[in-house]
Each structure stands twice: as C-alpha cells, then as structure tokens.
Amino acid sequence: MGKNCILDRPYPIISIVTPNFNGSKYLEKTIQSVLNQEYPCLEYIIIDGGSTDESTDIIKKYENKLSYWVSEPDKGLYDAIQKGFARSSGDIMAWINSDDMYHPNSFFTVAEIFSSCGDIDWLQGYATAYDETDRTVFCSPGRQFTNFDFYNHDYKWIQQESVFWRRSLWEKAGSGLNTNLKYAGDFELWLRFFKHSRLYVADVLVGGFRWRCSGQLTLEHFNDYISEAEKAIDDIVLDSSEKKILDKYNRSKKLDSFLKRLKVFRADYFSKRVRRKHFPKPAKVYFDRSLMKFISV
C-alpha cells in the first residue's frame, strides 16, 4: 500500500503496463490517459518492441514519470505485457494497449472499490469505445458473467480495457499470460481467473477501446481471436462438480428446446432454474449517493 497518498489515506499501488510496437499515432494519448489520472500510487511500465517509428521519442518525453520502460524486440503482444508485469509490484494490476485510453479519475474509482470491497478480486467497469478523434462513441453496462457462461461458449464480451484485478488473484492463476497466443491472451487469462474468483461489475467508466477503421488486430483478425478463444474453452480442465453442473444444464436446455417446439409456455423454465441455482452471479457494485461510497449489493 502507498502511505499517506491523499488526505493521509493509504491507497493501493496500481501497476499499469502498456505494450507498444510502432504505435506512435495514438501512444501519447494512451500515456497521457494514464499519467493525467494524477494517481499518487502509480507504477507505470511501458514495454516497446523495438519500434522504428516515433514511439521511443514519445516515451522519452515522459520517462521521468515512468517506473520502467524498455525498447527491444519481443515475441509479440502478450510477451511484452508479461515482461512488464514481471517488473511490477502493485497491489492492483491492469494493462492498456497503446491506442486505448483510461477515463479521467478512473484509478481513484478502482482503488476505492478494491479498498472498500474486500471480496472483490477482479472488476470490470462499463464497456466503452473511442473513435479515432478521441470521442466516446459507445458505452454499455458490463455483463455479469459467470465461469459457466464461458464454459458454455457464451462469453461476449469482457472488455479488457475496463478490467483490473488484485495481484493475489494473478498469482493464484499462475502469474502469467499464455505467450503462445497471438490474439486471445486476455480471454485465456479470464478463464483462469474464473477458476479462483467471480468477476464483479461496476457501473462506472474505467477504460475504453479505440475503434479504428484499419490497422487493428481485433478488426483484421477477429476470426483468429474467436478460434483461439474457442480452443481455450475446449482446453480448460473441469473438476467433477463442474462437469456435473454443466451436464445438468445442457440436459435442461435440451428439455427446454423440446418444450419450445411443442410451444409450451415458458419453454426456458428448466434451464433458467438451473442457472439460478448453480450459476450464481456476484453482486453488482454501485455508488451509494447517500453514503457517498461504493457498495456491492
């Protein structure tokens, strides 16, 4: 914990990693979105993959405010992020790619939620998106996922830019990303997180993904992302109790499908009942206006 950070109140140290390779067009906006938080207990790390554009010149402008940075060849996006986290020590962790941005004051919001809600190990805010001119052009409440949603291939979407987690969860999940993946390393990490903790959702603005019309991995390799995500689900090892619940749920869906063909009222009754009993969703996090604090209810 950082001591006496604000008004003699200790705030958790937040570690942010930005991977970059030839991303100079938006890199400075990303860096500013982190540093302009003015969060006093920040550990900011930039891992550049040996860029040949103006990226390193941009990074050097801010190096006195960085905890660490390097520019050298790496093995790709997740290798760069992993290198950054290996240099980190913060209580709370996240990464932001070099064309995305955080919303103002979001670190203080994240810090307060984690500090006041001890049962939360990882957190997602609203899913938001910026356009190429920095306008916020999309905003949607985060969905309350469970691990069984993912196991059933119902996973669209946890927005990586809006996710923060405790280091203790990172360590339980193996302290690393799958660097063999090219596109869905975040998805595979969520699967491992779900093995240890539930995902909480807060109705707050945290981070945003930048929509671009070209030159974007998620746009140009969307099907590759899906392929990696689907394989990650297929490779997950379920324990006997998880298998039993999934089998029960899949049988209930087949029964509901049969009833639907018969045009029976409330044809999804059985699968909903299984979901309510076996797929418990965590409480959402709200800001209580009268208490002026975040609570989970």
Foldseek 3Di string as FASTA:
>chain_A
DDACQDPRDDWWAEEEEEEDAQLVLQQLVAVCLVVVLVRRRYAYEYEYQQHPDCVVVSCVVCVVVHNYYDYHHDLADFRRVLVRLVVDDTFKYAYDYRRKHWDHNQSVVVRQCCVVDVQAFKEFEWEWEAESVGDTDDTGFDDQDALVCLLVVNDPDGDRFRMMGGVVLCVQLPVGWDSVDHAARVLLSVNSSNVPHGYAYEHDGTIYHYDYPDDDCCVVPVVVNSVVSVVSSVPDDDDPVSVVLSVQLVVLVVQLVVVVVVVHPPSSVRNVVSCVVPVDTFFYWYQDPVVRGIDGD
